[in-house]
Amino acid sequence: MNTEDKNEKIEDKKDLAKALRDISVELYNNERMISKALDAIGKACEMDPDSSLYLFERDFLLEEAGADPVVRLSLLEERKELLSERDDLALNYAHVLNLNGKIDEAADILLGRDFKLDKEGQIRLSEEYRRTLLTMAIREVTEGNRARGIVIGEMSLTYPKNLGIDPEIELPDNMGWYMLGEMHREGGDEDAADVAYKKAAEGETLPKLLYSSTDIPSDHIYWQALAKARLGQKKEALDLMRKLMDFGNESMEKISELQEVNETQDNNQSYRTDLKKKNEDYCKRLISLGVRGLGEVNG
């Protein structure tokens, strides 16, 4: 086979890969057939193995399908040379590393790359950064390095320039402040712990549904409640935990209204967020946090 024939064959495969990818998007957006959409994007990856876009989109669908993080990590690392081509793919990789307990490797990606993401991506990135550093901080404290753990915990409250987070994006940092309070308290510094708990208890206490991919979840209320309990405000803490449970249960009946919002999203997007499913999972999580929190506060 001559060079021209080889190039033509490669282009044919890329064309087929694109067609399969478009079928996958159609199956996911309009039919919500995740399994078949995954099959199509998987075949697109086989036809065009050098496409970082298809690699990213396959991992997105795997997450939507609840795939084992070990499987996701293995598939990403099969094409490790592509991971640096896209910021969203690098973020996904860091997230999967964290899910597999590879915290230091995730931190290396988050701190060693200049990210340029849209608002939704920046929100995901800021959450991943905070989660990574707080996990590292807890590990340090567990291993007896409390001072280092506190320094890392404090780092989680601000974003390094390389993340490219818009200053106007302000995510609740109640979890970070609460964790710092716990570290100071266990170290015997009650004054520092009190300051941190008061910071953790601040903020919006009214849970909200997620009407778009850039809306901020209300999980922070759980950490507010725990902080209030530490400050001796047990009644307020229990009320907030019950509020999470009540909101989750009551909102499950309203979620069907979100389907219309989902259908009117920009049709030029790739895989569109299923707001109904996202909010169902979200409400279940808030209910779970509320139930767990009641036990923790009463315990």
C-alpha atoms as a PDB file:
ATOM      1  CA  MET A   1       0.000   0.000   0.000  1.00  0.00           C
ATOM      2  CA  ASN A   2       1.498   3.363  -1.007  1.00  0.00           C
ATOM      3  CA  THR A   3       1.601   6.483   1.180  1.00  0.00           C
ATOM      4  CA  GLU A   4      -1.392   8.081  -0.531  1.00  0.00           C
ATOM      5  CA  ASP A   5      -3.537   4.990   0.064  1.00  0.00           C
ATOM      6  CA  LYS A   6      -2.441   4.852   3.715  1.00  0.00           C
ATOM      7  CA  ASN A   7      -3.335   8.492   4.250  1.00  0.00           C
ATOM      8  CA  GLU A   8      -6.713   7.956   2.630  1.00  0.00           C
ATOM      9  CA  LYS A   9      -7.396   4.990   4.859  1.00  0.00           C
ATOM     10  CA  ILE A  10      -6.472   7.022   7.953  1.00  0.00           C
ATOM     11  CA  GLU A  11      -8.830   9.808   6.882  1.00  0.00           C
ATOM     12  CA  ASP A  12     -11.605   7.280   6.301  1.00  0.00           C
ATOM     13  CA  LYS A  13     -11.148   5.996   9.849  1.00  0.00           C
ATOM     14  CA  LYS A  14     -11.243   9.532  11.233  1.00  0.00           C
ATOM     15  CA  ASP A  15     -14.436  10.245   9.318  1.00  0.00           C
ATOM     16  CA  LEU A  16     -15.988   7.076  10.708  1.00  0.00           C
ATOM     17  CA  ALA A  17     -14.804   8.014  14.197  1.00  0.00           C
ATOM     18  CA  LYS A  18     -16.498  11.411  13.915  1.00  0.00           C
ATOM     19  CA  ALA A  19     -19.722   9.791  12.735  1.00  0.00           C
ATOM     20  CA  LEU A  20     -19.645   7.404  15.687  1.00  0.00           C
ATOM     21  CA  ARG A  21     -18.970  10.271  18.046  1.00  0.00           C
ATOM     22  CA  ASP A  22     -21.949  12.206  16.670  1.00  0.00           C
ATOM     23  CA  ILE A  23     -24.137   9.126  17.094  1.00  0.00           C
ATOM     24  CA  SER A  24     -22.935   8.852  20.687  1.00  0.00           C
ATOM     25  CA  VAL A  25     -23.889  12.473  21.384  1.00  0.00           C
ATOM     26  CA  GLU A  26     -27.315  11.899  19.836  1.00  0.00           C
ATOM     27  CA  LEU A  27     -27.909   8.742  21.870  1.00  0.00           C
ATOM     28  CA  TYR A  28     -26.957  10.494  25.094  1.00  0.00           C
ATOM     29  CA  ASN A  29     -28.647  13.863  24.595  1.00  0.00           C
ATOM     30  CA  ASN A  30     -31.926  12.762  23.065  1.00  0.00           C
ATOM     31  CA  GLU A  31     -32.351   9.150  24.149  1.00  0.00           C
ATOM     32  CA  ARG A  32     -30.346   9.017  27.399  1.00  0.00           C
ATOM     33  CA  MET A  33     -29.038   5.644  26.286  1.00  0.00           C
ATOM     34  CA  ILE A  34     -25.723   5.848  28.146  1.00  0.00           C
ATOM     35  CA  SER A  35     -24.639   2.281  27.460  1.00  0.00           C
ATOM     36  CA  LYS A  36     -25.084   2.589  23.690  1.00  0.00           C
ATOM     37  CA  ALA A  37     -23.557   6.078  23.716  1.00  0.00           C
ATOM     38  CA  LEU A  38     -20.532   4.637  25.518  1.00  0.00           C
ATOM     39  CA  ASP A  39     -20.229   1.863  22.980  1.00  0.00           C
ATOM     40  CA  ALA A  40     -20.245   4.372  20.120  1.00  0.00           C
ATOM     41  CA  ILE A  41     -17.645   6.709  21.656  1.00  0.00           C
ATOM     42  CA  GLY A  42     -15.526   3.700  22.564  1.00  0.00           C
ATOM     43  CA  LYS A  43     -15.464   2.640  18.915  1.00  0.00           C
ATOM     44  CA  ALA A  44     -14.630   6.229  17.946  1.00  0.00           C
ATOM     45  CA  CYS A  45     -11.604   6.025  20.244  1.00  0.00           C
ATOM     46  CA  GLU A  46     -10.529   2.835  18.490  1.00  0.00           C
ATOM     47  CA  MET A  47     -10.925   4.390  15.047  1.00  0.00           C
ATOM     48  CA  ASP A  48      -9.109   7.603  15.997  1.00  0.00           C
ATOM     49  CA  PRO A  49      -6.891   6.729  18.993  1.00  0.00           C
ATOM     50  CA  ASP A  50      -5.045  10.049  18.793  1.00  0.00           C
ATOM     51  CA  SER A  51      -8.136  12.136  19.580  1.00  0.00           C
ATOM     52  CA  SER A  52      -7.915  13.667  23.042  1.00  0.00           C
ATOM     53  CA  LEU A  53     -11.508  14.907  22.596  1.00  0.00           C
ATOM     54  CA  TYR A  54     -12.886  11.389  22.222  1.00  0.00           C
ATOM     55  CA  LEU A  55     -10.785  10.237  25.174  1.00  0.00           C
ATOM     56  CA  PHE A  56     -12.242  13.018  27.294  1.00  0.00           C
ATOM     57  CA  GLU A  57     -15.800  12.333  26.179  1.00  0.00           C
ATOM     58  CA  ARG A  58     -15.496   8.617  26.828  1.00  0.00           C
ATOM     59  CA  ASP A  59     -14.333   9.327  30.376  1.00  0.00           C
ATOM     60  CA  PHE A  60     -17.252  11.735  30.846  1.00  0.00           C
ATOM     61  CA  LEU A  61     -19.717   9.021  29.863  1.00  0.00           C
ATOM     62  CA  LEU A  62     -17.961   6.458  32.033  1.00  0.00           C
ATOM     63  CA  GLU A  63     -18.421   8.763  35.013  1.00  0.00           C
ATOM     64  CA  GLU A  64     -22.075   9.276  34.104  1.00  0.00           C
ATOM     65  CA  ALA A  65     -22.496   5.494  33.954  1.00  0.00           C
ATOM     66  CA  GLY A  66     -20.896   5.052  37.393  1.00  0.00           C
ATOM     67  CA  ALA A  67     -17.902   3.118  36.091  1.00  0.00           C
ATOM     68  CA  ASP A  68     -15.264   1.806  38.477  1.00  0.00           C
ATOM     69  CA  PRO A  69     -12.553   4.484  38.970  1.00  0.00           C
ATOM     70  CA  VAL A  70      -9.922   1.770  38.477  1.00  0.00           C
ATOM     71  CA  VAL A  71     -11.293   1.128  34.989  1.00  0.00           C
ATOM     72  CA  ARG A  72     -11.388   4.833  34.186  1.00  0.00           C
ATOM     73  CA  LEU A  73      -7.797   5.297  35.315  1.00  0.00           C
ATOM     74  CA  SER A  74      -6.602   2.355  33.259  1.00  0.00           C
ATOM     75  CA  LEU A  75      -8.298   3.654  30.099  1.00  0.00           C
ATOM     76  CA  LEU A  76      -6.900   7.157  30.554  1.00  0.00           C
ATOM     77  CA  GLU A  77      -3.390   5.938  31.180  1.00  0.00           C
ATOM     78  CA  GLU A  78      -3.460   3.778  28.085  1.00  0.00           C
ATOM     79  CA  ARG A  79      -3.156   7.070  26.190  1.00  0.00           C
ATOM     80  CA  LYS A  80      -1.229   9.046  28.773  1.00  0.00           C
ATOM     81  CA  GLU A  81       0.526  11.061  26.082  1.00  0.00           C
ATOM     82  CA  LEU A  82      -2.816  12.705  25.211  1.00  0.00           C
ATOM     83  CA  LEU A  83      -3.649  13.858  28.725  1.00  0.00           C
ATOM     84  CA  SER A  84      -1.728  17.110  28.407  1.00  0.00           C
ATOM     85  CA  GLU A  85      -3.557  18.200  25.240  1.00  0.00           C
ATOM     86  CA  ARG A  86      -6.749  19.382  26.934  1.00  0.00           C
ATOM     87  CA  ASP A  87      -7.270  21.177  30.242  1.00  0.00           C
ATOM     88  CA  ASP A  88     -10.622  19.454  30.797  1.00  0.00           C
ATOM     89  CA  LEU A  89      -9.010  16.065  30.201  1.00  0.00           C
ATOM     90  CA  ALA A  90      -6.163  16.885  32.596  1.00  0.00           C
ATOM     91  CA  LEU A  91      -8.761  17.858  35.220  1.00  0.00           C
ATOM     92  CA  ASN A  92     -10.631  14.600  34.685  1.00  0.00           C
ATOM     93  CA  TYR A  93      -7.380  12.703  35.077  1.00  0.00           C
ATOM     94  CA  ALA A  94      -6.613  14.485  38.361  1.00  0.00           C
ATOM     95  CA  HIS A  95     -10.128  13.650  39.586  1.00  0.00           C
ATOM     96  CA  VAL A  96      -9.750   9.965  38.699  1.00  0.00           C
ATOM     97  CA  LEU A  97      -6.329   9.870  40.369  1.00  0.00           C
ATOM     98  CA  ASN A  98      -7.952  11.195  43.549  1.00  0.00           C
ATOM     99  CA  LEU A  99     -10.683   8.568  43.333  1.00  0.00           C
ATOM    100  CA  ASN A 100      -7.931   5.935  43.212  1.00  0.00           C
ATOM    101  CA  GLY A 101      -6.117   7.380  46.225  1.00  0.00           C
ATOM    102  CA  LYS A 102      -3.251   8.821  44.171  1.00  0.00           C
ATOM    103  CA  ILE A 103      -3.448  12.216  45.844  1.00  0.00           C
ATOM    104  CA  ASP A 104       0.120  13.372  45.265  1.00  0.00           C
ATOM    105  CA  GLU A 105      -0.087  12.629  41.549  1.00  0.00           C
ATOM    106  CA  ALA A 106      -3.343  14.572  41.342  1.00  0.00           C
ATOM    107  CA  ALA A 107      -1.759  17.508  43.159  1.00  0.00           C
ATOM    108  CA  ASP A 108       1.168  17.479  40.736  1.00  0.00           C
ATOM    109  CA  ILE A 109      -1.255  17.929  37.827  1.00  0.00           C
ATOM    110  CA  LEU A 110      -3.292  20.644  39.530  1.00  0.00           C
ATOM    111  CA  LEU A 111      -0.265  22.640  40.640  1.00  0.00           C
ATOM    112  CA  GLY A 112       1.928  22.048  37.615  1.00  0.00           C
ATOM    113  CA  ARG A 113      -0.293  23.195  34.784  1.00  0.00           C
ATOM    114  CA  ASP A 114      -1.693  26.530  33.597  1.00  0.00           C
ATOM    115  CA  PHE A 115      -5.433  25.913  33.192  1.00  0.00           C
ATOM    116  CA  LYS A 116      -7.769  27.870  30.946  1.00  0.00           C
ATOM    117  CA  LEU A 117     -11.327  26.651  31.462  1.00  0.00           C
ATOM    118  CA  ASP A 118     -14.827  28.081  31.125  1.00  0.00           C
ATOM    119  CA  LYS A 119     -16.918  28.893  34.206  1.00  0.00           C
ATOM    120  CA  GLU A 120     -18.212  25.348  34.624  1.00  0.00           C
ATOM    121  CA  GLY A 121     -14.684  23.983  34.307  1.00  0.00           C
ATOM    122  CA  GLN A 122     -13.335  26.524  36.782  1.00  0.00           C
ATOM    123  CA  ILE A 123     -15.930  25.487  39.348  1.00  0.00           C
ATOM    124  CA  ARG A 124     -14.984  21.833  38.912  1.00  0.00           C
ATOM    125  CA  LEU A 125     -11.297  22.711  39.074  1.00  0.00           C
ATOM    126  CA  SER A 126     -11.637  24.765  42.247  1.00  0.00           C
ATOM    127  CA  GLU A 127     -13.584  21.939  43.915  1.00  0.00           C
ATOM    128  CA  GLU A 128     -10.979  19.380  42.870  1.00  0.00           C
ATOM    129  CA  TYR A 129      -8.133  21.586  44.114  1.00  0.00           C
ATOM    130  CA  ARG A 130      -9.735  22.090  47.509  1.00  0.00           C
ATOM    131  CA  ARG A 131     -10.641  18.443  47.866  1.00  0.00           C
ATOM    132  CA  THR A 132      -7.108  17.371  46.956  1.00  0.00           C
ATOM    133  CA  LEU A 133      -5.389  19.696  49.401  1.00  0.00           C
ATOM    134  CA  LEU A 134      -7.774  18.942  52.263  1.00  0.00           C
ATOM    135  CA  THR A 135      -7.215  15.224  51.742  1.00  0.00           C
ATOM    136  CA  MET A 136      -3.463  15.831  51.846  1.00  0.00           C
ATOM    137  CA  ALA A 137      -3.874  17.938  54.995  1.00  0.00           C
ATOM    138  CA  ILE A 138      -5.856  15.224  56.771  1.00  0.00           C
ATOM    139  CA  ARG A 139      -3.222  12.654  55.783  1.00  0.00           C
ATOM    140  CA  GLU A 140      -0.459  14.821  57.248  1.00  0.00           C
ATOM    141  CA  VAL A 141      -2.335  15.217  60.533  1.00  0.00           C
ATOM    142  CA  THR A 142      -3.048  11.479  60.676  1.00  0.00           C
ATOM    143  CA  GLU A 143       0.665  10.801  60.214  1.00  0.00           C
ATOM    144  CA  GLY A 144       1.549  13.141  63.078  1.00  0.00           C
ATOM    145  CA  ASN A 145       2.481  16.203  61.005  1.00  0.00           C
ATOM    146  CA  ARG A 146      -0.186  18.539  62.361  1.00  0.00           C
ATOM    147  CA  ALA A 147       1.625  21.816  61.609  1.00  0.00           C
ATOM    148  CA  ARG A 148       2.182  20.817  57.997  1.00  0.00           C
ATOM    149  CA  GLY A 149      -1.420  19.654  57.733  1.00  0.00           C
ATOM    150  CA  ILE A 150      -2.672  23.045  58.906  1.00  0.00           C
ATOM    151  CA  VAL A 151      -0.464  24.866  56.371  1.00  0.00           C
ATOM    152  CA  ILE A 152      -1.828  22.704  53.540  1.00  0.00           C
ATOM    153  CA  GLY A 153      -5.374  23.188  54.827  1.00  0.00           C
ATOM    154  CA  GLU A 154      -4.897  26.955  54.757  1.00  0.00           C
ATOM    155  CA  MET A 155      -3.573  26.695  51.186  1.00  0.00           C
ATOM    156  CA  SER A 156      -6.879  25.159  50.130  1.00  0.00           C
ATOM    157  CA  LEU A 157      -8.669  28.442  50.910  1.00  0.00           C
ATOM    158  CA  THR A 158      -6.926  30.386  48.132  1.00  0.00           C
ATOM    159  CA  TYR A 159      -6.253  29.535  44.498  1.00  0.00           C
ATOM    160  CA  PRO A 160      -2.801  29.657  42.885  1.00  0.00           C
ATOM    161  CA  LYS A 161      -2.576  31.680  39.671  1.00  0.00           C
ATOM    162  CA  ASN A 162      -1.953  28.633  37.493  1.00  0.00           C
ATOM    163  CA  LEU A 163      -5.548  27.450  38.032  1.00  0.00           C
ATOM    164  CA  GLY A 164      -6.907  30.502  36.227  1.00  0.00           C
ATOM    165  CA  ILE A 165      -9.904  30.817  38.557  1.00  0.00           C
ATOM    166  CA  ASP A 166     -11.938  33.973  37.954  1.00  0.00           C
ATOM    167  CA  PRO A 167     -11.910  36.085  41.171  1.00  0.00           C
ATOM    168  CA  GLU A 168     -15.692  36.460  40.818  1.00  0.00           C
ATOM    169  CA  ILE A 169     -16.168  32.724  41.312  1.00  0.00           C
ATOM    170  CA  GLU A 170     -16.636  32.365  45.046  1.00  0.00           C
ATOM    171  CA  LEU A 171     -17.323  28.826  46.192  1.00  0.00           C
ATOM    172  CA  PRO A 172     -18.315  28.212  49.804  1.00  0.00           C
ATOM    173  CA  ASP A 173     -15.229  27.230  51.808  1.00  0.00           C
ATOM    174  CA  ASN A 174     -17.087  25.972  54.886  1.00  0.00           C
ATOM    175  CA  MET A 175     -15.537  22.516  54.652  1.00  0.00           C
ATOM    176  CA  GLY A 176     -12.011  23.912  54.594  1.00  0.00           C
ATOM    177  CA  TRP A 177     -12.588  26.135  57.599  1.00  0.00           C
ATOM    178  CA  TYR A 178     -14.292  23.318  59.504  1.00  0.00           C
ATOM    179  CA  MET A 179     -11.374  20.961  58.813  1.00  0.00           C
ATOM    180  CA  LEU A 180      -8.952  23.623  60.016  1.00  0.00           C
ATOM    181  CA  GLY A 181     -11.045  24.004  63.146  1.00  0.00           C
ATOM    182  CA  GLU A 182     -10.785  20.280  63.792  1.00  0.00           C
ATOM    183  CA  MET A 183      -7.002  20.312  63.272  1.00  0.00           C
ATOM    184  CA  HIS A 184      -6.535  23.208  65.689  1.00  0.00           C
ATOM    185  CA  ARG A 185      -8.918  21.686  68.224  1.00  0.00           C
ATOM    186  CA  GLU A 186      -7.163  18.327  68.215  1.00  0.00           C
ATOM    187  CA  GLY A 187      -3.860  20.183  68.623  1.00  0.00           C
ATOM    188  CA  GLY A 188      -5.164  21.960  71.702  1.00  0.00           C
ATOM    189  CA  ASP A 189      -5.390  25.464  70.180  1.00  0.00           C
ATOM    190  CA  GLU A 190      -8.971  26.299  71.154  1.00  0.00           C
ATOM    191  CA  ASP A 191      -8.732  29.963  70.156  1.00  0.00           C
ATOM    192  CA  ALA A 192      -7.626  29.178  66.594  1.00  0.00           C
ATOM    193  CA  ALA A 193     -10.250  26.436  66.416  1.00  0.00           C
ATOM    194  CA  ASP A 194     -12.961  28.869  67.510  1.00  0.00           C
ATOM    195  CA  VAL A 195     -11.977  31.359  64.795  1.00  0.00           C
ATOM    196  CA  ALA A 196     -12.070  28.631  62.143  1.00  0.00           C
ATOM    197  CA  TYR A 197     -15.424  27.250  63.302  1.00  0.00           C
ATOM    198  CA  LYS A 198     -16.965  30.740  63.190  1.00  0.00           C
ATOM    199  CA  LYS A 199     -15.747  31.107  59.589  1.00  0.00           C
ATOM    200  CA  ALA A 200     -17.154  27.665  58.771  1.00  0.00           C
ATOM    201  CA  ALA A 201     -20.557  28.600  60.239  1.00  0.00           C
ATOM    202  CA  GLU A 202     -20.974  31.619  57.924  1.00  0.00           C
ATOM    203  CA  GLY A 203     -22.827  31.836  54.615  1.00  0.00           C
ATOM    204  CA  GLU A 204     -26.108  31.000  52.881  1.00  0.00           C
ATOM    205  CA  THR A 205     -28.258  28.484  54.764  1.00  0.00           C
ATOM    206  CA  LEU A 206     -31.031  28.022  52.187  1.00  0.00           C
ATOM    207  CA  PRO A 207     -30.583  24.928  49.968  1.00  0.00           C
ATOM    208  CA  LYS A 208     -31.151  25.413  46.226  1.00  0.00           C
ATOM    209  CA  LEU A 209     -31.716  23.219  43.215  1.00  0.00           C
ATOM    210  CA  LEU A 210     -29.227  23.139  40.340  1.00  0.00           C
ATOM    211  CA  TYR A 211     -30.777  24.858  37.326  1.00  0.00           C
ATOM    212  CA  SER A 212     -27.575  24.943  35.284  1.00  0.00           C
ATOM    213  CA  SER A 213     -24.139  23.353  35.187  1.00  0.00           C
ATOM    214  CA  THR A 214     -22.685  26.452  36.867  1.00  0.00           C
ATOM    215  CA  ASP A 215     -25.003  26.502  39.901  1.00  0.00           C
ATOM    216  CA  ILE A 216     -23.255  25.793  43.209  1.00  0.00           C
ATOM    217  CA  PRO A 217     -24.486  22.811  45.286  1.00  0.00           C
ATOM    218  CA  SER A 218     -25.630  23.370  48.874  1.00  0.00           C
ATOM    219  CA  ASP A 219     -23.424  20.707  50.474  1.00  0.00           C
ATOM    220  CA  HIS A 220     -21.670  23.468  52.443  1.00  0.00           C
ATOM    221  CA  ILE A 221     -24.694  23.674  54.768  1.00  0.00           C
ATOM    222  CA  TYR A 222     -23.668  20.318  56.247  1.00  0.00           C
ATOM    223  CA  TRP A 223     -20.281  21.782  57.243  1.00  0.00           C
ATOM    224  CA  GLN A 224     -21.977  24.938  58.564  1.00  0.00           C
ATOM    225  CA  ALA A 225     -24.092  22.775  60.814  1.00  0.00           C
ATOM    226  CA  LEU A 226     -21.139  20.790  62.133  1.00  0.00           C
ATOM    227  CA  ALA A 227     -19.318  24.052  62.860  1.00  0.00           C
ATOM    228  CA  LYS A 228     -22.324  25.428  64.736  1.00  0.00           C
ATOM    229  CA  ALA A 229     -22.400  22.264  66.820  1.00  0.00           C
ATOM    230  CA  ARG A 230     -18.744  22.797  67.728  1.00  0.00           C
ATOM    231  CA  LEU A 231     -19.615  26.369  68.754  1.00  0.00           C
ATOM    232  CA  GLY A 232     -22.290  25.071  71.122  1.00  0.00           C
ATOM    233  CA  GLN A 233     -25.208  25.927  68.849  1.00  0.00           C
ATOM    234  CA  LYS A 234     -26.694  22.451  68.816  1.00  0.00           C
ATOM    235  CA  LYS A 235     -30.280  23.465  68.072  1.00  0.00           C
ATOM    236  CA  GLU A 236     -29.223  25.545  65.051  1.00  0.00           C
ATOM    237  CA  ALA A 237     -27.032  22.695  63.861  1.00  0.00           C
ATOM    238  CA  LEU A 238     -29.857  20.163  64.060  1.00  0.00           C
ATOM    239  CA  ASP A 239     -32.227  22.566  62.309  1.00  0.00           C
ATOM    240  CA  LEU A 240     -29.802  22.891  59.379  1.00  0.00           C
ATOM    241  CA  MET A 241     -29.409  19.110  59.085  1.00  0.00           C
ATOM    242  CA  ARG A 242     -33.192  18.712  59.041  1.00  0.00           C
ATOM    243  CA  LYS A 243     -33.407  21.491  56.459  1.00  0.00           C
ATOM    244  CA  LEU A 244     -31.130  19.497  54.147  1.00  0.00           C
ATOM    245  CA  MET A 245     -33.281  16.401  54.587  1.00  0.00           C
ATOM    246  CA  ASP A 246     -36.582  18.252  54.112  1.00  0.00           C
ATOM    247  CA  PHE A 247     -35.310  20.113  51.063  1.00  0.00           C
ATOM    248  CA  GLY A 248     -34.048  16.918  49.466  1.00  0.00           C
ATOM    249  CA  ASN A 249     -37.310  15.062  50.040  1.00  0.00           C
ATOM    250  CA  GLU A 250     -39.578  17.936  48.969  1.00  0.00           C
ATOM    251  CA  SER A 251     -37.508  18.767  45.883  1.00  0.00           C
ATOM    252  CA  MET A 252     -37.647  15.227  44.517  1.00  0.00           C
ATOM    253  CA  GLU A 253     -41.261  15.991  43.572  1.00  0.00           C
ATOM    254  CA  LYS A 254     -40.283  19.152  41.653  1.00  0.00           C
ATOM    255  CA  ILE A 255     -37.381  17.764  39.644  1.00  0.00           C
ATOM    256  CA  SER A 256     -39.534  16.704  36.696  1.00  0.00           C
ATOM    257  CA  GLU A 257     -39.933  20.419  35.889  1.00  0.00           C
ATOM    258  CA  LEU A 258     -36.204  20.605  35.122  1.00  0.00           C
ATOM    259  CA  GLN A 259     -36.518  18.397  32.058  1.00  0.00           C
ATOM    260  CA  GLU A 260     -37.756  21.375  30.026  1.00  0.00           C
ATOM    261  CA  VAL A 261     -34.711  23.400  31.082  1.00  0.00           C
ATOM    262  CA  ASN A 262     -32.457  20.581  29.942  1.00  0.00           C
ATOM    263  CA  GLU A 263     -34.120  20.371  26.535  1.00  0.00           C
ATOM    264  CA  THR A 264     -33.704  24.093  25.881  1.00  0.00           C
ATOM    265  CA  GLN A 265     -29.957  24.066  26.471  1.00  0.00           C
ATOM    266  CA  ASP A 266     -27.612  25.048  23.646  1.00  0.00           C
ATOM    267  CA  ASN A 267     -27.949  22.387  20.976  1.00  0.00           C
ATOM    268  CA  ASN A 268     -24.399  23.040  19.822  1.00  0.00           C
ATOM    269  CA  GLN A 269     -22.992  21.572  23.019  1.00  0.00           C
ATOM    270  CA  SER A 270     -21.531  18.124  23.094  1.00  0.00           C
ATOM    271  CA  TYR A 271     -23.032  15.933  25.803  1.00  0.00           C
ATOM    272  CA  ARG A 272     -25.665  18.037  27.537  1.00  0.00           C
ATOM    273  CA  THR A 273     -26.124  17.848  31.274  1.00  0.00           C
ATOM    274  CA  ASP A 274     -29.125  15.805  32.336  1.00  0.00           C
ATOM    275  CA  LEU A 275     -30.402  18.233  34.968  1.00  0.00           C
ATOM    276  CA  LYS A 276     -33.132  15.884  36.104  1.00  0.00           C
ATOM    277  CA  LYS A 277     -30.699  13.071  36.921  1.00  0.00           C
ATOM    278  CA  LYS A 278     -28.151  15.500  38.335  1.00  0.00           C
ATOM    279  CA  ASN A 279     -30.705  16.922  40.751  1.00  0.00           C
ATOM    280  CA  GLU A 280     -32.056  13.509  41.708  1.00  0.00           C
ATOM    281  CA  ASP A 281     -28.546  12.437  42.724  1.00  0.00           C
ATOM    282  CA  TYR A 282     -27.975  15.797  44.381  1.00  0.00           C
ATOM    283  CA  CYS A 283     -31.163  15.616  46.464  1.00  0.00           C
ATOM    284  CA  LYS A 284     -30.324  12.085  47.566  1.00  0.00           C
ATOM    285  CA  ARG A 285     -26.887  13.341  48.633  1.00  0.00           C
ATOM    286  CA  LEU A 286     -28.375  16.201  50.662  1.00  0.00           C
ATOM    287  CA  ILE A 287     -30.758  13.787  52.377  1.00  0.00           C
ATOM    288  CA  SER A 288     -27.844  11.482  53.175  1.00  0.00           C
ATOM    289  CA  LEU A 289     -25.769  14.370  54.536  1.00  0.00           C
ATOM    290  CA  GLY A 290     -28.676  15.485  56.702  1.00  0.00           C
ATOM    291  CA  VAL A 291     -29.230  12.008  58.147  1.00  0.00           C
ATOM    292  CA  ARG A 292     -25.514  11.539  58.810  1.00  0.00           C
ATOM    293  CA  GLY A 293     -25.259  14.994  60.304  1.00  0.00           C
ATOM    294  CA  LEU A 294     -28.113  14.407  62.742  1.00  0.00           C
ATOM    295  CA  GLY A 295     -26.246  11.388  64.056  1.00  0.00           C
ATOM    296  CA  GLU A 296     -22.970  13.294  64.319  1.00  0.00           C
ATOM    297  CA  VAL A 297     -24.476  16.288  66.126  1.00  0.00           C
ATOM    298  CA  ASN A 298     -26.515  14.137  68.499  1.00  0.00           C
ATOM    299  CA  GLY A 299     -23.580  11.788  69.052  1.00  0.00           C
END
